[in-house]
Amino acid sequence: MAVSSCRRSHSYKLLRTWPEKQAVADAMAKWNAADLEQACDEIGVVMPMLRTAEEFLREPAYEYIAQEALIKIEKIGDSAPEPLSSAAAQPLSGVRALGMGHIITGAGLGRDLAQHGADY
């Protein structure tokens, strides 16, 4: 919680605004998206700009990302298989997931797992 609050306060300071929805929207509207993304990166705040597929493919990081597996599963221990419950409220109810994502999509994946019932 403290880390989140600290980053949030850094964001407000960068934007020169306060924690009110319209004030934040107005402050962000004054920025060029690429400049805001860069400024946030410099202070350690994750605030990526939305890119079209064509823009993303031109990013230098894409060359690295394209060489990696789309999904990588690592076995980290030996245990007997545990079947999923047929009485589960959601498809991933009872599944505990540990996210070790190192790019922004890691957070998105965790959110998706949680929305399907995983304890993330």
PDB file of N, CA and C in Angstrom:
ATOM      1  N   MET A   1       0.827  -1.198   0.000  1.00  0.00           N
ATOM      2  CA  MET A   1       0.000   0.000   0.000  1.00  0.00           C
ATOM      3  C   MET A   1       0.866   1.253   0.000  1.00  0.00           C
ATOM      4  N   ALA A   2       1.951   1.249   0.783  1.00  0.00           N
ATOM      5  CA  ALA A   2       2.806   2.419   0.857  1.00  0.00           C
ATOM      6  C   ALA A   2       3.471   2.700  -0.482  1.00  0.00           C
ATOM      7  N   VAL A   3       3.898   1.643  -1.188  1.00  0.00           N
ATOM      8  CA  VAL A   3       4.530   1.829  -2.485  1.00  0.00           C
ATOM      9  C   VAL A   3       3.531   2.436  -3.467  1.00  0.00           C
ATOM     10  N   SER A   4       2.313   1.903  -3.481  1.00  0.00           N
ATOM     11  CA  SER A   4       1.277   2.415  -4.370  1.00  0.00           C
ATOM     12  C   SER A   4       0.974   3.881  -4.060  1.00  0.00           C
ATOM     13  N   SER A   5       0.845   4.225  -2.799  1.00  0.00           N
ATOM     14  CA  SER A   5       0.558   5.606  -2.406  1.00  0.00           C
ATOM     15  C   SER A   5       1.712   6.518  -2.785  1.00  0.00           C
ATOM     16  N   CYS A   6       2.935   6.029  -2.637  1.00  0.00           N
ATOM     17  CA  CYS A   6       4.112   6.815  -2.984  1.00  0.00           C
ATOM     18  C   CYS A   6       4.135   7.097  -4.479  1.00  0.00           C
ATOM     19  N   ARG A   7       3.902   6.061  -5.292  1.00  0.00           N
ATOM     20  CA  ARG A   7       3.893   6.250  -6.745  1.00  0.00           C
ATOM     21  C   ARG A   7       2.742   7.158  -7.173  1.00  0.00           C
ATOM     22  N   ARG A   8       1.623   7.002  -6.506  1.00  0.00           N
ATOM     23  CA  ARG A   8       0.478   7.850  -6.821  1.00  0.00           C
ATOM     24  C   ARG A   8       0.819   9.315  -6.532  1.00  0.00           C
ATOM     25  N   SER A   9       1.447   9.573  -5.395  1.00  0.00           N
ATOM     26  CA  SER A   9       1.793  10.956  -5.066  1.00  0.00           C
ATOM     27  C   SER A   9       2.843  11.493  -6.034  1.00  0.00           C
ATOM     28  N   HIS A  10       3.758  10.640  -6.501  1.00  0.00           N
ATOM     29  CA  HIS A  10       4.738  11.052  -7.515  1.00  0.00           C
ATOM     30  C   HIS A  10       4.012  11.442  -8.810  1.00  0.00           C
ATOM     31  N   SER A  11       2.987  10.684  -9.158  1.00  0.00           N
ATOM     32  CA  SER A  11       2.214  10.979 -10.372  1.00  0.00           C
ATOM     33  C   SER A  11       1.519  12.323 -10.258  1.00  0.00           C
ATOM     34  N   TYR A  12       0.879  12.572  -9.122  1.00  0.00           N
ATOM     35  CA  TYR A  12       0.199  13.856  -8.918  1.00  0.00           C
ATOM     36  C   TYR A  12       1.199  15.011  -8.964  1.00  0.00           C
ATOM     37  N   LYS A  13       2.370  14.784  -8.362  1.00  0.00           N
ATOM     38  CA  LYS A  13       3.398  15.831  -8.362  1.00  0.00           C
ATOM     39  C   LYS A  13       3.864  16.119  -9.789  1.00  0.00           C
ATOM     40  N   LEU A  14       4.114  15.076 -10.568  1.00  0.00           N
ATOM     41  CA  LEU A  14       4.534  15.245 -11.951  1.00  0.00           C
ATOM     42  C   LEU A  14       3.478  16.006 -12.754  1.00  0.00           C
ATOM     43  N   LEU A  15       2.227  15.621 -12.568  1.00  0.00           N
ATOM     44  CA  LEU A  15       1.129  16.251 -13.305  1.00  0.00           C
ATOM     45  C   LEU A  15       0.742  17.623 -12.746  1.00  0.00           C
ATOM     46  N   ARG A  16       1.265  17.936 -11.565  1.00  0.00           N
ATOM     47  CA  ARG A  16       0.938  19.186 -10.875  1.00  0.00           C
ATOM     48  C   ARG A  16      -0.573  19.301 -10.666  1.00  0.00           C
ATOM     49  N   THR A  17      -1.129  18.238 -10.075  1.00  0.00           N
ATOM     50  CA  THR A  17      -2.570  18.209  -9.839  1.00  0.00           C
ATOM     51  C   THR A  17      -2.862  17.506  -8.524  1.00  0.00           C
ATOM     52  N   TRP A  18      -4.115  17.293  -8.235  1.00  0.00           N
ATOM     53  CA  TRP A  18      -4.565  16.644  -7.013  1.00  0.00           C
ATOM     54  C   TRP A  18      -5.441  15.450  -7.381  1.00  0.00           C
ATOM     55  N   PRO A  19      -5.698  14.574  -6.404  1.00  0.00           N
ATOM     56  CA  PRO A  19      -6.451  13.335  -6.678  1.00  0.00           C
ATOM     57  C   PRO A  19      -7.946  13.526  -6.864  1.00  0.00           C
ATOM     58  N   GLU A  20      -8.302  14.142  -7.944  1.00  0.00           N
ATOM     59  CA  GLU A  20      -9.700  14.306  -8.317  1.00  0.00           C
ATOM     60  C   GLU A  20      -9.787  13.985  -9.802  1.00  0.00           C
ATOM     61  N   LYS A  21     -10.742  13.154 -10.179  1.00  0.00           N
ATOM     62  CA  LYS A  21     -10.813  12.610 -11.538  1.00  0.00           C
ATOM     63  C   LYS A  21     -10.691  13.669 -12.629  1.00  0.00           C
ATOM     64  N   GLN A  22     -11.475  14.718 -12.554  1.00  0.00           N
ATOM     65  CA  GLN A  22     -11.446  15.746 -13.607  1.00  0.00           C
ATOM     66  C   GLN A  22     -10.132  16.511 -13.598  1.00  0.00           C
ATOM     67  N   ALA A  23      -9.590  16.765 -12.409  1.00  0.00           N
ATOM     68  CA  ALA A  23      -8.315  17.488 -12.316  1.00  0.00           C
ATOM     69  C   ALA A  23      -7.190  16.677 -12.965  1.00  0.00           C
ATOM     70  N   VAL A  24      -7.191  15.383 -12.728  1.00  0.00           N
ATOM     71  CA  VAL A  24      -6.175  14.512 -13.334  1.00  0.00           C
ATOM     72  C   VAL A  24      -6.359  14.474 -14.848  1.00  0.00           C
ATOM     73  N   ALA A  25      -7.590  14.332 -15.304  1.00  0.00           N
ATOM     74  CA  ALA A  25      -7.861  14.306 -16.754  1.00  0.00           C
ATOM     75  C   ALA A  25      -7.412  15.609 -17.408  1.00  0.00           C
ATOM     76  N   ASP A  26      -7.706  16.732 -16.769  1.00  0.00           N
ATOM     77  CA  ASP A  26      -7.301  18.032 -17.318  1.00  0.00           C
ATOM     78  C   ASP A  26      -5.781  18.159 -17.358  1.00  0.00           C
ATOM     79  N   ALA A  27      -5.109  17.711 -16.305  1.00  0.00           N
ATOM     80  CA  ALA A  27      -3.648  17.794 -16.258  1.00  0.00           C
ATOM     81  C   ALA A  27      -3.009  16.900 -17.319  1.00  0.00           C
ATOM     82  N   MET A  28      -3.548  15.712 -17.504  1.00  0.00           N
ATOM     83  CA  MET A  28      -2.989  14.794 -18.506  1.00  0.00           C
ATOM     84  C   MET A  28      -3.221  15.313 -19.924  1.00  0.00           C
ATOM     85  N   ALA A  29      -4.314  16.019 -20.143  1.00  0.00           N
ATOM     86  CA  ALA A  29      -4.630  16.547 -21.472  1.00  0.00           C
ATOM     87  C   ALA A  29      -3.607  17.581 -21.934  1.00  0.00           C
ATOM     88  N   LYS A  30      -2.848  18.131 -21.010  1.00  0.00           N
ATOM     89  CA  LYS A  30      -1.835  19.125 -21.358  1.00  0.00           C
ATOM     90  C   LYS A  30      -0.549  18.484 -21.887  1.00  0.00           C
ATOM     91  N   TRP A  31      -0.431  17.166 -21.760  1.00  0.00           N
ATOM     92  CA  TRP A  31       0.792  16.458 -22.151  1.00  0.00           C
ATOM     93  C   TRP A  31       0.649  15.798 -23.512  1.00  0.00           C
ATOM     94  N   ASN A  32       1.761  15.681 -24.209  1.00  0.00           N
ATOM     95  CA  ASN A  32       1.894  14.794 -25.359  1.00  0.00           C
ATOM     96  C   ASN A  32       2.084  13.405 -24.756  1.00  0.00           C
ATOM     97  N   ALA A  33       1.399  12.393 -25.266  1.00  0.00           N
ATOM     98  CA  ALA A  33       1.426  11.047 -24.671  1.00  0.00           C
ATOM     99  C   ALA A  33       2.842  10.489 -24.545  1.00  0.00           C
ATOM    100  N   ALA A  34       3.663  10.631 -25.586  1.00  0.00           N
ATOM    101  CA  ALA A  34       5.030  10.095 -25.543  1.00  0.00           C
ATOM    102  C   ALA A  34       5.861  10.813 -24.487  1.00  0.00           C
ATOM    103  N   ASP A  35       5.694  12.138 -24.369  1.00  0.00           N
ATOM    104  CA  ASP A  35       6.436  12.898 -23.358  1.00  0.00           C
ATOM    105  C   ASP A  35       6.012  12.496 -21.950  1.00  0.00           C
ATOM    106  N   LEU A  36       4.713  12.291 -21.744  1.00  0.00           N
ATOM    107  CA  LEU A  36       4.228  11.874 -20.432  1.00  0.00           C
ATOM    108  C   LEU A  36       4.756  10.490 -20.077  1.00  0.00           C
ATOM    109  N   GLU A  37       4.730   9.577 -21.034  1.00  0.00           N
ATOM    110  CA  GLU A  37       5.258   8.233 -20.792  1.00  0.00           C
ATOM    111  C   GLU A  37       6.730   8.311 -20.384  1.00  0.00           C
ATOM    112  N   GLN A  38       7.519   9.111 -21.088  1.00  0.00           N
ATOM    113  CA  GLN A  38       8.947   9.260 -20.782  1.00  0.00           C
ATOM    114  C   GLN A  38       9.157   9.881 -19.402  1.00  0.00           C
ATOM    115  N   ALA A  39       8.411  10.936 -19.089  1.00  0.00           N
ATOM    116  CA  ALA A  39       8.547  11.605 -17.793  1.00  0.00           C
ATOM    117  C   ALA A  39       8.200  10.650 -16.648  1.00  0.00           C
ATOM    118  N   CYS A  40       7.159   9.852 -16.837  1.00  0.00           N
ATOM    119  CA  CYS A  40       6.769   8.880 -15.811  1.00  0.00           C
ATOM    120  C   CYS A  40       7.845   7.813 -15.641  1.00  0.00           C
ATOM    121  N   ASP A  41       8.387   7.348 -16.752  1.00  0.00           N
ATOM    122  CA  ASP A  41       9.454   6.350 -16.699  1.00  0.00           C
ATOM    123  C   ASP A  41      10.644   6.875 -15.894  1.00  0.00           C
ATOM    124  N   GLU A  42      10.970   8.125 -16.073  1.00  0.00           N
ATOM    125  CA  GLU A  42      12.111   8.727 -15.377  1.00  0.00           C
ATOM    126  C   GLU A  42      11.922   8.796 -13.869  1.00  0.00           C
ATOM    127  N   ILE A  43      10.678   8.854 -13.400  1.00  0.00           N
ATOM    128  CA  ILE A  43      10.439   8.891 -11.948  1.00  0.00           C
ATOM    129  C   ILE A  43       9.965   7.546 -11.404  1.00  0.00           C
ATOM    130  N   GLY A  44       9.966   6.526 -12.264  1.00  0.00           N
ATOM    131  CA  GLY A  44       9.615   5.175 -11.808  1.00  0.00           C
ATOM    132  C   GLY A  44       8.127   4.895 -11.726  1.00  0.00           C
ATOM    133  N   VAL A  45       7.331   5.636 -12.467  1.00  0.00           N
ATOM    134  CA  VAL A  45       5.881   5.421 -12.483  1.00  0.00           C
ATOM    135  C   VAL A  45       5.500   4.779 -13.807  1.00  0.00           C
ATOM    136  N   VAL A  46       4.767   3.680 -13.751  1.00  0.00           N
ATOM    137  CA  VAL A  46       4.328   3.001 -14.965  1.00  0.00           C
ATOM    138  C   VAL A  46       3.066   3.672 -15.478  1.00  0.00           C
ATOM    139  N   MET A  47       3.187   4.356 -16.619  1.00  0.00           N
ATOM    140  CA  MET A  47       2.044   5.011 -17.231  1.00  0.00           C
ATOM    141  C   MET A  47       2.259   4.977 -18.753  1.00  0.00           C
ATOM    142  N   PRO A  48       2.139   3.781 -19.348  1.00  0.00           N
ATOM    143  CA  PRO A  48       2.412   3.676 -20.785  1.00  0.00           C
ATOM    144  C   PRO A  48       1.300   4.286 -21.632  1.00  0.00           C
ATOM    145  N   MET A  49       1.698   4.794 -22.785  1.00  0.00           N
ATOM    146  CA  MET A  49       0.702   5.330 -23.707  1.00  0.00           C
ATOM    147  C   MET A  49       0.124   4.187 -24.533  1.00  0.00           C
ATOM    148  N   LEU A  50      -1.087   4.363 -24.970  1.00  0.00           N
ATOM    149  CA  LEU A  50      -1.742   3.380 -25.817  1.00  0.00           C
ATOM    150  C   LEU A  50      -1.198   3.533 -27.225  1.00  0.00           C
ATOM    151  N   ARG A  51      -0.795   2.399 -27.830  1.00  0.00           N
ATOM    152  CA  ARG A  51      -0.234   2.421 -29.178  1.00  0.00           C
ATOM    153  C   ARG A  51      -1.086   1.562 -30.104  1.00  0.00           C
ATOM    154  N   THR A  52      -1.114   1.944 -31.365  1.00  0.00           N
ATOM    155  CA  THR A  52      -1.747   1.075 -32.351  1.00  0.00           C
ATOM    156  C   THR A  52      -0.797  -0.095 -32.582  1.00  0.00           C
ATOM    157  N   ALA A  53      -1.283  -1.138 -33.233  1.00  0.00           N
ATOM    158  CA  ALA A  53      -0.426  -2.280 -33.539  1.00  0.00           C
ATOM    159  C   ALA A  53       0.778  -1.836 -34.358  1.00  0.00           C
ATOM    160  N   GLU A  54       0.567  -0.962 -35.319  1.00  0.00           N
ATOM    161  CA  GLU A  54       1.666  -0.481 -36.169  1.00  0.00           C
ATOM    162  C   GLU A  54       2.701   0.281 -35.346  1.00  0.00           C
ATOM    163  N   GLU A  55       2.246   1.120 -34.415  1.00  0.00           N
ATOM    164  CA  GLU A  55       3.180   1.862 -33.555  1.00  0.00           C
ATOM    165  C   GLU A  55       3.974   0.901 -32.667  1.00  0.00           C
ATOM    166  N   PHE A  56       3.288  -0.086 -32.121  1.00  0.00           N
ATOM    167  CA  PHE A  56       3.963  -1.047 -31.246  1.00  0.00           C
ATOM    168  C   PHE A  56       5.038  -1.817 -32.001  1.00  0.00           C
ATOM    169  N   LEU A  57       4.751  -2.211 -33.232  1.00  0.00           N
ATOM    170  CA  LEU A  57       5.716  -2.973 -34.026  1.00  0.00           C
ATOM    171  C   LEU A  57       6.973  -2.162 -34.337  1.00  0.00           C
ATOM    172  N   ARG A  58       6.893  -0.843 -34.266  1.00  0.00           N
ATOM    173  CA  ARG A  58       8.058   0.015 -34.510  1.00  0.00           C
ATOM    174  C   ARG A  58       8.874   0.260 -33.238  1.00  0.00           C
ATOM    175  N   GLU A  59       8.360  -0.136 -32.082  1.00  0.00           N
ATOM    176  CA  GLU A  59       9.071   0.080 -30.823  1.00  0.00           C
ATOM    177  C   GLU A  59      10.319  -0.805 -30.749  1.00  0.00           C
ATOM    178  N   PRO A  60      11.432  -0.262 -30.255  1.00  0.00           N
ATOM    179  CA  PRO A  60      12.654  -1.069 -30.128  1.00  0.00           C
ATOM    180  C   PRO A  60      12.461  -2.322 -29.263  1.00  0.00           C
ATOM    181  N   ALA A  61      11.618  -2.228 -28.260  1.00  0.00           N
ATOM    182  CA  ALA A  61      11.391  -3.381 -27.381  1.00  0.00           C
ATOM    183  C   ALA A  61      10.709  -4.531 -28.111  1.00  0.00           C
ATOM    184  N   TYR A  62      10.010  -4.237 -29.199  1.00  0.00           N
ATOM    185  CA  TYR A  62       9.299  -5.288 -29.918  1.00  0.00           C
ATOM    186  C   TYR A  62      10.242  -6.360 -30.433  1.00  0.00           C
ATOM    187  N   GLU A  63      11.424  -5.967 -30.896  1.00  0.00           N
ATOM    188  CA  GLU A  63      12.389  -6.957 -31.399  1.00  0.00           C
ATOM    189  C   GLU A  63      12.697  -7.999 -30.324  1.00  0.00           C
ATOM    190  N   TYR A  64      12.877  -7.542 -29.084  1.00  0.00           N
ATOM    191  CA  TYR A  64      13.141  -8.474 -27.982  1.00  0.00           C
ATOM    192  C   TYR A  64      11.906  -9.311 -27.678  1.00  0.00           C
ATOM    193  N   ILE A  65      10.773  -8.665 -27.564  1.00  0.00           N
ATOM    194  CA  ILE A  65       9.535  -9.357 -27.214  1.00  0.00           C
ATOM    195  C   ILE A  65       9.181 -10.413 -28.258  1.00  0.00           C
ATOM    196  N   ALA A  66       9.405 -10.103 -29.520  1.00  0.00           N
ATOM    197  CA  ALA A  66       9.061 -11.026 -30.610  1.00  0.00           C
ATOM    198  C   ALA A  66       9.873 -12.311 -30.556  1.00  0.00           C
ATOM    199  N   GLN A  67      11.030 -12.281 -29.927  1.00  0.00           N
ATOM    200  CA  GLN A  67      11.887 -13.468 -29.841  1.00  0.00           C
ATOM    201  C   GLN A  67      11.505 -14.386 -28.676  1.00  0.00           C
ATOM    202  N   GLU A  68      10.705 -13.880 -27.777  1.00  0.00           N
ATOM    203  CA  GLU A  68      10.321 -14.647 -26.597  1.00  0.00           C
ATOM    204  C   GLU A  68       9.060 -15.463 -26.862  1.00  0.00           C
ATOM    205  N   ALA A  69       8.896 -16.524 -26.078  1.00  0.00           N
ATOM    206  CA  ALA A  69       7.689 -17.341 -26.175  1.00  0.00           C
ATOM    207  C   ALA A  69       6.489 -16.523 -25.717  1.00  0.00           C
ATOM    208  N   LEU A  70       5.354 -16.734 -26.358  1.00  0.00           N
ATOM    209  CA  LEU A  70       4.144 -16.009 -25.986  1.00  0.00           C
ATOM    210  C   LEU A  70       3.753 -16.326 -24.543  1.00  0.00           C
ATOM    211  N   ILE A  71       3.803 -17.597 -24.189  1.00  0.00           N
ATOM    212  CA  ILE A  71       3.523 -18.038 -22.825  1.00  0.00           C
ATOM    213  C   ILE A  71       4.637 -18.981 -22.408  1.00  0.00           C
ATOM    214  N   LYS A  72       5.168 -18.770 -21.225  1.00  0.00           N
ATOM    215  CA  LYS A  72       6.250 -19.605 -20.715  1.00  0.00           C
ATOM    216  C   LYS A  72       5.793 -20.200 -19.387  1.00  0.00           C
ATOM    217  N   ILE A  73       5.783 -21.509 -19.319  1.00  0.00           N
ATOM    218  CA  ILE A  73       5.366 -22.195 -18.099  1.00  0.00           C
ATOM    219  C   ILE A  73       6.578 -22.939 -17.545  1.00  0.00           C
ATOM    220  N   GLU A  74       6.867 -22.696 -16.288  1.00  0.00           N
ATOM    221  CA  GLU A  74       7.990 -23.360 -15.641  1.00  0.00           C
ATOM    222  C   GLU A  74       7.474 -24.199 -14.487  1.00  0.00           C
ATOM    223  N   LYS A  75       7.888 -25.442 -14.462  1.00  0.00           N
ATOM    224  CA  LYS A  75       7.541 -26.307 -13.346  1.00  0.00           C
ATOM    225  C   LYS A  75       8.502 -25.984 -12.216  1.00  0.00           C
ATOM    226  N   ILE A  76       7.964 -25.648 -11.051  1.00  0.00           N
ATOM    227  CA  ILE A  76       8.832 -25.247  -9.946  1.00  0.00           C
ATOM    228  C   ILE A  76       8.809 -26.234  -8.791  1.00  0.00           C
ATOM    229  N   GLY A  77       8.141 -27.345  -8.955  1.00  0.00           N
ATOM    230  CA  GLY A  77       8.112 -28.340  -7.892  1.00  0.00           C
ATOM    231  C   GLY A  77       7.394 -29.580  -8.350  1.00  0.00           C
ATOM    232  N   ASP A  78       7.522 -30.633  -7.576  1.00  0.00           N
ATOM    233  CA  ASP A  78       6.849 -31.895  -7.879  1.00  0.00           C
ATOM    234  C   ASP A  78       5.691 -32.091  -6.917  1.00  0.00           C
ATOM    235  N   SER A  79       4.554 -32.382  -7.458  1.00  0.00           N
ATOM    236  CA  SER A  79       3.389 -32.705  -6.640  1.00  0.00           C
ATOM    237  C   SER A  79       2.421 -33.500  -7.498  1.00  0.00           C
ATOM    238  N   ALA A  80       1.527 -34.168  -6.828  1.00  0.00           N
ATOM    239  CA  ALA A  80       0.515 -34.940  -7.549  1.00  0.00           C
ATOM    240  C   ALA A  80      -0.472 -33.962  -8.186  1.00  0.00           C
ATOM    241  N   PRO A  81      -1.012 -34.299  -9.361  1.00  0.00           N
ATOM    242  CA  PRO A  81      -2.011 -33.422  -9.976  1.00  0.00           C
ATOM    243  C   PRO A  81      -3.235 -33.261  -9.079  1.00  0.00           C
ATOM    244  N   GLU A  82      -3.789 -32.072  -9.077  1.00  0.00           N
ATOM    245  CA  GLU A  82      -4.989 -31.803  -8.302  1.00  0.00           C
ATOM    246  C   GLU A  82      -6.093 -31.409  -9.268  1.00  0.00           C
ATOM    247  N   PRO A  83      -7.151 -32.204  -9.368  1.00  0.00           N
ATOM    248  CA  PRO A  83      -8.225 -31.871 -10.308  1.00  0.00           C
ATOM    249  C   PRO A  83      -8.977 -30.618  -9.865  1.00  0.00           C
ATOM    250  N   LEU A  84      -9.478 -29.872 -10.832  1.00  0.00           N
ATOM    251  CA  LEU A  84     -10.293 -28.709 -10.526  1.00  0.00           C
ATOM    252  C   LEU A  84     -11.663 -29.177 -10.053  1.00  0.00           C
ATOM    253  N   SER A  85     -12.241 -28.439  -9.135  1.00  0.00           N
ATOM    254  CA  SER A  85     -13.553 -28.792  -8.596  1.00  0.00           C
ATOM    255  C   SER A  85     -14.637 -28.589  -9.643  1.00  0.00           C
ATOM    256  N   SER A  86     -15.526 -29.532  -9.741  1.00  0.00           N
ATOM    257  CA  SER A  86     -16.644 -29.383 -10.677  1.00  0.00           C
ATOM    258  C   SER A  86     -17.711 -28.441 -10.115  1.00  0.00           C
ATOM    259  N   ALA A  87     -17.631 -28.136  -8.815  1.00  0.00           N
ATOM    260  CA  ALA A  87     -18.604 -27.245  -8.183  1.00  0.00           C
ATOM    261  C   ALA A  87     -18.077 -25.809  -8.092  1.00  0.00           C
ATOM    262  N   ALA A  88     -16.994 -25.499  -8.778  1.00  0.00           N
ATOM    263  CA  ALA A  88     -16.394 -24.175  -8.695  1.00  0.00           C
ATOM    264  C   ALA A  88     -17.329 -23.113  -9.274  1.00  0.00           C
ATOM    265  N   ALA A  89     -17.343 -21.961  -8.625  1.00  0.00           N
ATOM    266  CA  ALA A  89     -18.186 -20.861  -9.092  1.00  0.00           C
ATOM    267  C   ALA A  89     -17.647 -20.240 -10.384  1.00  0.00           C
ATOM    268  N   GLN A  90     -16.335 -20.270 -10.540  1.00  0.00           N
ATOM    269  CA  GLN A  90     -15.692 -19.725 -11.739  1.00  0.00           C
ATOM    270  C   GLN A  90     -14.650 -20.741 -12.217  1.00  0.00           C
ATOM    271  N   PRO A  91     -14.241 -20.656 -13.480  1.00  0.00           N
ATOM    272  CA  PRO A  91     -13.320 -21.653 -14.029  1.00  0.00           C
ATOM    273  C   PRO A  91     -12.018 -21.830 -13.243  1.00  0.00           C
ATOM    274  N   LEU A  92     -11.478 -20.755 -12.661  1.00  0.00           N
ATOM    275  CA  LEU A  92     -10.204 -20.856 -11.945  1.00  0.00           C
ATOM    276  C   LEU A  92     -10.357 -20.765 -10.428  1.00  0.00           C
ATOM    277  N   SER A  93     -11.569 -20.937  -9.918  1.00  0.00           N
ATOM    278  CA  SER A  93     -11.772 -20.934  -8.462  1.00  0.00           C
ATOM    279  C   SER A  93     -10.910 -22.024  -7.839  1.00  0.00           C
ATOM    280  N   GLY A  94     -10.220 -21.662  -6.766  1.00  0.00           N
ATOM    281  CA  GLY A  94      -9.372 -22.624  -6.079  1.00  0.00           C
ATOM    282  C   GLY A  94      -7.953 -22.686  -6.615  1.00  0.00           C
ATOM    283  N   VAL A  95      -7.669 -21.981  -7.692  1.00  0.00           N
ATOM    284  CA  VAL A  95      -6.322 -21.953  -8.266  1.00  0.00           C
ATOM    285  C   VAL A  95      -5.597 -20.732  -7.715  1.00  0.00           C
ATOM    286  N   ARG A  96      -4.389 -20.940  -7.246  1.00  0.00           N
ATOM    287  CA  ARG A  96      -3.572 -19.827  -6.764  1.00  0.00           C
ATOM    288  C   ARG A  96      -2.483 -19.575  -7.792  1.00  0.00           C
ATOM    289  N   ALA A  97      -2.386 -18.344  -8.265  1.00  0.00           N
ATOM    290  CA  ALA A  97      -1.413 -17.984  -9.301  1.00  0.00           C
ATOM    291  C   ALA A  97      -0.408 -16.988  -8.737  1.00  0.00           C
ATOM    292  N   LEU A  98       0.834 -17.182  -9.092  1.00  0.00           N
ATOM    293  CA  LEU A  98       1.899 -16.264  -8.703  1.00  0.00           C
ATOM    294  C   LEU A  98       2.385 -15.576  -9.965  1.00  0.00           C
ATOM    295  N   GLY A  99       2.207 -14.276 -10.050  1.00  0.00           N
ATOM    296  CA  GLY A  99       2.622 -13.529 -11.239  1.00  0.00           C
ATOM    297  C   GLY A  99       4.036 -13.025 -11.094  1.00  0.00           C
ATOM    298  N   MET A 100       4.858 -13.326 -12.058  1.00  0.00           N
ATOM    299  CA  MET A 100       6.250 -12.868 -12.062  1.00  0.00           C
ATOM    300  C   MET A 100       6.525 -12.084 -13.342  1.00  0.00           C
ATOM    301  N   GLY A 101       5.482 -11.425 -13.866  1.00  0.00           N
ATOM    302  CA  GLY A 101       5.619 -10.684 -15.118  1.00  0.00           C
ATOM    303  C   GLY A 101       6.645  -9.576 -15.012  1.00  0.00           C
ATOM    304  N   HIS A 102       7.396  -9.366 -16.092  1.00  0.00           N
ATOM    305  CA  HIS A 102       8.406  -8.320 -16.077  1.00  0.00           C
ATOM    306  C   HIS A 102       8.097  -7.222 -17.089  1.00  0.00           C
ATOM    307  N   ILE A 103       6.928  -7.296 -17.682  1.00  0.00           N
ATOM    308  CA  ILE A 103       6.474  -6.223 -18.560  1.00  0.00           C
ATOM    309  C   ILE A 103       5.023  -5.929 -18.207  1.00  0.00           C
ATOM    310  N   ILE A 104       4.497  -4.870 -18.716  1.00  0.00           N
ATOM    311  CA  ILE A 104       3.173  -4.392 -18.321  1.00  0.00           C
ATOM    312  C   ILE A 104       2.082  -5.440 -18.507  1.00  0.00           C
ATOM    313  N   THR A 105       2.232  -6.334 -19.465  1.00  0.00           N
ATOM    314  CA  THR A 105       1.194  -7.331 -19.687  1.00  0.00           C
ATOM    315  C   THR A 105       1.062  -8.290 -18.506  1.00  0.00           C
ATOM    316  N   GLY A 106       2.082  -8.373 -17.664  1.00  0.00           N
ATOM    317  CA  GLY A 106       1.993  -9.237 -16.484  1.00  0.00           C
ATOM    318  C   GLY A 106       0.837  -8.842 -15.589  1.00  0.00           C
ATOM    319  N   ALA A 107       0.651  -7.547 -15.395  1.00  0.00           N
ATOM    320  CA  ALA A 107      -0.465  -7.069 -14.565  1.00  0.00           C
ATOM    321  C   ALA A 107      -1.802  -7.395 -15.223  1.00  0.00           C
ATOM    322  N   GLY A 108      -1.857  -7.270 -16.530  1.00  0.00           N
ATOM    323  CA  GLY A 108      -3.091  -7.593 -17.254  1.00  0.00           C
ATOM    324  C   GLY A 108      -3.433  -9.065 -17.131  1.00  0.00           C
ATOM    325  N   LEU A 109      -2.430  -9.904 -17.201  1.00  0.00           N
ATOM    326  CA  LEU A 109      -2.660 -11.339 -17.074  1.00  0.00           C
ATOM    327  C   LEU A 109      -3.169 -11.666 -15.679  1.00  0.00           C
ATOM    328  N   GLY A 110      -2.570 -11.062 -14.662  1.00  0.00           N
ATOM    329  CA  GLY A 110      -3.025 -11.294 -13.297  1.00  0.00           C
ATOM    330  C   GLY A 110      -4.469 -10.888 -13.099  1.00  0.00           C
ATOM    331  N   ARG A 111      -4.831  -9.745 -13.661  1.00  0.00           N
ATOM    332  CA  ARG A 111      -6.221  -9.281 -13.581  1.00  0.00           C
ATOM    333  C   ARG A 111      -7.150 -10.275 -14.254  1.00  0.00           C
ATOM    334  N   ASP A 112      -6.755 -10.780 -15.423  1.00  0.00           N
ATOM    335  CA  ASP A 112      -7.597 -11.744 -16.150  1.00  0.00           C
ATOM    336  C   ASP A 112      -7.751 -13.035 -15.356  1.00  0.00           C
ATOM    337  N   LEU A 113      -6.675 -13.522 -14.760  1.00  0.00           N
ATOM    338  CA  LEU A 113      -6.760 -14.738 -13.937  1.00  0.00           C
ATOM    339  C   LEU A 113      -7.718 -14.512 -12.765  1.00  0.00           C
ATOM    340  N   ALA A 114      -7.587 -13.366 -12.114  1.00  0.00           N
ATOM    341  CA  ALA A 114      -8.458 -13.062 -10.976  1.00  0.00           C
ATOM    342  C   ALA A 114      -9.920 -12.947 -11.399  1.00  0.00           C
ATOM    343  N   GLN A 115     -10.173 -12.368 -12.558  1.00  0.00           N
ATOM    344  CA  GLN A 115     -11.553 -12.240 -13.029  1.00  0.00           C
ATOM    345  C   GLN A 115     -12.190 -13.597 -13.330  1.00  0.00           C
ATOM    346  N   HIS A 116     -11.358 -14.595 -13.524  1.00  0.00           N
ATOM    347  CA  HIS A 116     -11.874 -15.943 -13.749  1.00  0.00           C
ATOM    348  C   HIS A 116     -11.817 -16.807 -12.486  1.00  0.00           C
ATOM    349  N   GLY A 117     -11.587 -16.148 -11.337  1.00  0.00           N
ATOM    350  CA  GLY A 117     -11.687 -16.836 -10.065  1.00  0.00           C
ATOM    351  C   GLY A 117     -10.392 -17.192  -9.379  1.00  0.00           C
ATOM    352  N   ALA A 118      -9.242 -16.984 -10.013  1.00  0.00           N
ATOM    353  CA  ALA A 118      -7.966 -17.355  -9.387  1.00  0.00           C
ATOM    354  C   ALA A 118      -7.641 -16.418  -8.225  1.00  0.00           C
ATOM    355  N   ASP A 119      -6.967 -16.972  -7.236  1.00  0.00           N
ATOM    356  CA  ASP A 119      -6.440 -16.181  -6.126  1.00  0.00           C
ATOM    357  C   ASP A 119      -5.094 -15.688  -6.603  1.00  0.00           C
ATOM    358  N   TYR A 120      -5.020 -14.415  -6.966  1.00  0.00           N
ATOM    359  CA  TYR A 120      -3.806 -13.866  -7.588  1.00  0.00           C
ATOM    360  C   TYR A 120      -3.190 -12.835  -6.694  1.00  0.00           C
TER     361      TYR A 120
END
